[in-house]
C-alpha atoms as a PDB file:
ATOM      1  CA  MET A   1       2.390   6.134 -17.593  1.00  0.00           C
ATOM      2  CA  SER A   2       2.866   8.072 -14.360  1.00  0.00           C
ATOM      3  CA  GLU A   3       6.099   9.517 -13.054  1.00  0.00           C
ATOM      4  CA  PRO A   4       8.291   7.281 -10.884  1.00  0.00           C
ATOM      5  CA  ILE A   5       7.764   7.555  -7.143  1.00  0.00           C
ATOM      6  CA  LYS A   6      10.408   9.565  -5.301  1.00  0.00           C
ATOM      7  CA  VAL A   7      10.550   8.924  -1.581  1.00  0.00           C
ATOM      8  CA  PRO A   8      11.542  12.077   0.303  1.00  0.00           C
ATOM      9  CA  ARG A   9      13.890  12.059   3.275  1.00  0.00           C
ATOM     10  CA  LEU A  10      11.870  11.167   6.326  1.00  0.00           C
ATOM     11  CA  ALA A  11      12.449  12.720   9.724  1.00  0.00           C
ATOM     12  CA  LYS A  12      12.005  10.378  12.669  1.00  0.00           C
ATOM     13  CA  GLY A  13       8.357   9.824  13.387  1.00  0.00           C
ATOM     14  CA  HIS A  14       7.245  10.706   9.845  1.00  0.00           C
ATOM     15  CA  GLY A  15       6.102   8.616   6.913  1.00  0.00           C
ATOM     16  CA  TYR A  16       5.118   8.586   3.273  1.00  0.00           C
ATOM     17  CA  LYS A  17       2.136   6.853   1.691  1.00  0.00           C
ATOM     18  CA  GLY A  18       2.039   5.279  -1.766  1.00  0.00           C
ATOM     19  CA  PRO A  19      -0.868   4.705  -4.169  1.00  0.00           C
ATOM     20  CA  GLU A  20      -4.270   3.712  -2.823  1.00  0.00           C
ATOM     21  CA  PHE A  21      -6.289   0.806  -4.165  1.00  0.00           C
ATOM     22  CA  TYR A  22      -8.281   1.587  -7.330  1.00  0.00           C
ATOM     23  CA  GLY A  23     -11.491   3.391  -6.436  1.00  0.00           C
ATOM     24  CA  CYS A  24     -10.613   3.698  -2.743  1.00  0.00           C
ATOM     25  CA  LEU A  25      -9.680   6.659  -0.592  1.00  0.00           C
ATOM     26  CA  ASN A  26      -7.994   6.535   2.829  1.00  0.00           C
ATOM     27  CA  THR A  27      -8.571   2.832   3.457  1.00  0.00           C
ATOM     28  CA  GLY A  28      -5.352   2.517   5.443  1.00  0.00           C
ATOM     29  CA  MET A  29      -4.077  -0.344   3.283  1.00  0.00           C
ATOM     30  CA  ALA A  30      -1.978   1.674   0.824  1.00  0.00           C
ATOM     31  CA  PRO A  31       1.764   0.908   0.878  1.00  0.00           C
ATOM     32  CA  ALA A  32       3.567   3.173   3.332  1.00  0.00           C
ATOM     33  CA  ILE A  33       7.042   3.771   4.694  1.00  0.00           C
ATOM     34  CA  PHE A  34       7.717   5.243   8.127  1.00  0.00           C
ATOM     35  CA  HIS A  35      10.921   6.287   9.863  1.00  0.00           C
ATOM     36  CA  SER A  36      10.260   5.253  13.449  1.00  0.00           C
ATOM     37  CA  ARG A  37      11.511   7.220  16.417  1.00  0.00           C
ATOM     38  CA  THR A  38      13.923   4.343  17.118  1.00  0.00           C
ATOM     39  CA  GLY A  39      15.662   5.005  13.792  1.00  0.00           C
ATOM     40  CA  LYS A  40      14.361   1.916  11.999  1.00  0.00           C
ATOM     41  CA  TYR A  41      12.190   1.972   8.885  1.00  0.00           C
ATOM     42  CA  VAL A  42       8.776   0.307   8.874  1.00  0.00           C
ATOM     43  CA  VAL A  43       7.270  -0.673   5.504  1.00  0.00           C
ATOM     44  CA  GLY A  44       3.910  -2.213   4.642  1.00  0.00           C
ATOM     45  CA  PRO A  45       0.223  -1.291   4.637  1.00  0.00           C
ATOM     46  CA  GLU A  46      -0.363   2.039   6.371  1.00  0.00           C
ATOM     47  CA  ILE A  47      -2.512   1.027   9.364  1.00  0.00           C
ATOM     48  CA  PRO A  48      -0.575  -2.161  10.218  1.00  0.00           C
ATOM     49  CA  CYS A  49       2.642  -0.084  10.089  1.00  0.00           C
ATOM     50  CA  ARG A  50       1.179   2.445  12.488  1.00  0.00           C
ATOM     51  CA  ASP A  51      -0.047  -0.370  14.749  1.00  0.00           C
ATOM     52  CA  ALA A  52       3.402  -1.988  14.746  1.00  0.00           C
ATOM     53  CA  MET A  53       5.038   1.306  15.705  1.00  0.00           C
ATOM     54  CA  ARG A  54       2.490   1.849  18.495  1.00  0.00           C
ATOM     55  CA  ALA A  55       3.144  -1.671  19.829  1.00  0.00           C
ATOM     56  CA  GLY A  56       6.577  -0.581  20.909  1.00  0.00           C
ATOM     57  CA  MET A  57      10.144  -1.739  20.842  1.00  0.00           C
ATOM     58  CA  THR A  58       9.439  -5.449  21.359  1.00  0.00           C
ATOM     59  CA  LEU A  59       8.301  -5.749  17.737  1.00  0.00           C
ATOM     60  CA  PHE A  60      11.388  -3.994  16.411  1.00  0.00           C
ATOM     61  CA  ASP A  61      13.557  -6.964  17.318  1.00  0.00           C
ATOM     62  CA  LYS A  62      12.015  -8.848  14.383  1.00  0.00           C
ATOM     63  CA  ARG A  63      12.441  -8.252  10.660  1.00  0.00           C
ATOM     64  CA  THR A  64       8.810  -8.917   9.782  1.00  0.00           C
ATOM     65  CA  VAL A  65       5.603  -8.682  11.745  1.00  0.00           C
ATOM     66  CA  LYS A  66       2.905 -10.885  10.270  1.00  0.00           C
ATOM     67  CA  GLY A  67      -0.712 -10.123  10.937  1.00  0.00           C
ATOM     68  CA  SER A  68      -3.583 -12.571  10.879  1.00  0.00           C
ATOM     69  CA  ASP A  69      -3.908 -11.804   7.165  1.00  0.00           C
ATOM     70  CA  PRO A  70      -0.771 -12.089   4.974  1.00  0.00           C
ATOM     71  CA  ARG A  71      -1.709  -8.791   3.322  1.00  0.00           C
ATOM     72  CA  ARG A  72      -1.083  -7.068   6.668  1.00  0.00           C
ATOM     73  CA  THR A  73       2.607  -8.036   6.869  1.00  0.00           C
ATOM     74  CA  VAL A  74       4.973  -5.290   8.003  1.00  0.00           C
ATOM     75  CA  TRP A  75       8.709  -5.273   7.247  1.00  0.00           C
ATOM     76  CA  ILE A  76      11.254  -3.576   9.498  1.00  0.00           C
ATOM     77  CA  PHE A  77      14.599  -2.366   8.118  1.00  0.00           C
ATOM     78  CA  LYS A  78      17.676  -0.809   9.664  1.00  0.00           C
ATOM     79  CA  SER A  79      18.732   0.996   6.479  1.00  0.00           C
ATOM     80  CA  ARG A  80      16.835   3.473   4.333  1.00  0.00           C
ATOM     81  CA  LYS A  81      18.027   1.915   1.075  1.00  0.00           C
ATOM     82  CA  ALA A  82      16.508  -1.506   1.766  1.00  0.00           C
ATOM     83  CA  ALA A  83      13.304   0.047   3.120  1.00  0.00           C
ATOM     84  CA  VAL A  84      12.840   2.275   0.072  1.00  0.00           C
ATOM     85  CA  ALA A  85      13.466  -0.686  -2.249  1.00  0.00           C
ATOM     86  CA  LYS A  86      10.735  -2.721  -0.502  1.00  0.00           C
ATOM     87  CA  PHE A  87       8.381   0.274  -0.486  1.00  0.00           C
ATOM     88  CA  LEU A  88       8.899   0.842  -4.226  1.00  0.00           C
ATOM     89  CA  ALA A  89       8.286  -2.876  -4.875  1.00  0.00           C
ATOM     90  CA  LEU A  90       4.986  -2.674  -2.970  1.00  0.00           C
ATOM     91  CA  CYS A  91       4.031   0.502  -4.847  1.00  0.00           C
ATOM     92  CA  GLY A  92       4.899  -1.103  -8.192  1.00  0.00           C
ATOM     93  CA  ALA A  93       2.686  -4.089  -7.415  1.00  0.00           C
ATOM     94  CA  GLN A  94      -0.138  -1.741  -6.384  1.00  0.00           C
ATOM     95  CA  ILE A  95       0.190   0.329  -9.552  1.00  0.00           C
ATOM     96  CA  LEU A  96      -0.009  -2.832 -11.692  1.00  0.00           C
ATOM     97  CA  GLU A  97      -3.075  -4.047  -9.783  1.00  0.00           C
ATOM     98  CA  ASN A  98      -4.710  -0.623 -10.133  1.00  0.00           C
ATOM     99  CA  GLU A  99      -4.125  -0.698 -13.893  1.00  0.00           C
ATOM    100  CA  ARG A 100      -5.660  -4.173 -14.118  1.00  0.00           C
ATOM    101  CA  GLN A 101      -8.704  -3.000 -12.117  1.00  0.00           C
ATOM    102  CA  ARG A 102      -8.977   0.115 -14.301  1.00  0.00           C
ATOM    103  CA  GLN A 103      -9.167  -2.075 -17.423  1.00  0.00           C
ATOM    104  CA  VAL A 104     -11.781  -4.383 -15.868  1.00  0.00           C
ATOM    105  CA  HIS A 105     -13.796  -1.310 -14.866  1.00  0.00           C
ATOM    106  CA  ALA A 106     -13.627   0.144 -18.371  1.00  0.00           C
ATOM    107  CA  VAL A 107     -14.853  -3.133 -19.906  1.00  0.00           C
ATOM    108  CA  ALA A 108     -17.717  -3.369 -17.397  1.00  0.00           C
ATOM    109  CA  ARG A 109     -18.661   0.274 -17.977  1.00  0.00           C
ATOM    110  CA  ALA A 110     -18.773  -0.248 -21.762  1.00  0.00           C
ATOM    111  CA  ALA A 111     -20.851  -3.429 -21.377  1.00  0.00           C
ATOM    112  CA  ALA A 112     -23.254  -1.654 -19.011  1.00  0.00           C
ATOM    113  CA  ALA A 113     -23.661   1.159 -21.549  1.00  0.00           C
ATOM    114  CA  ARG A 114     -24.678  -1.483 -24.127  1.00  0.00           C
ATOM    115  CA  GLY A 115     -27.404  -2.713 -21.762  1.00  0.00           C
ATOM    116  CA  ASP A 116     -25.730  -5.664 -20.034  1.00  0.00           C
ATOM    117  CA  LEU A 117     -27.437  -5.856 -16.646  1.00  0.00           C
ATOM    118  CA  ALA A 118     -24.760  -8.108 -15.082  1.00  0.00           C
ATOM    119  CA  ALA A 119     -22.078  -5.584 -16.070  1.00  0.00           C
ATOM    120  CA  ALA A 120     -24.160  -2.757 -14.605  1.00  0.00           C
ATOM    121  CA  LEU A 121     -24.358  -4.644 -11.303  1.00  0.00           C
ATOM    122  CA  ALA A 122     -20.597  -5.364 -11.458  1.00  0.00           C
ATOM    123  CA  LEU A 123     -19.965  -1.608 -11.576  1.00  0.00           C
ATOM    124  CA  GLY A 124     -21.001  -1.545  -7.929  1.00  0.00           C
ATOM    125  CA  ASP A 125     -17.698  -3.280  -7.111  1.00  0.00           C
ATOM    126  CA  PHE A 126     -15.782  -0.215  -8.223  1.00  0.00           C
END
């Protein structure tokens, strides 16, 4: 198994990104934590977090900012400890999902090597 995630201290205006989705690179939906210039911590998918910070102070009066899709929910925290805990929970869920996708991919790859055409077509999903 991989090493535990250690979130570094974040200067205001900086952030840290967690694991991407399996087989993806720079999709903008990886879990992220940002220390906004207002001093609050913003946690959630990377692009919705950036959008929430760009929207300005009016959004920082709320604890959560829900997008049109529940997967785009952003959480806003006053303390680092609570923000890091939420970020690590999101990363843990992503790591488990990545492992599940890795296993499905391995099964499909083995079936495709045996000549299963449906499995070969399913490899296109990865």
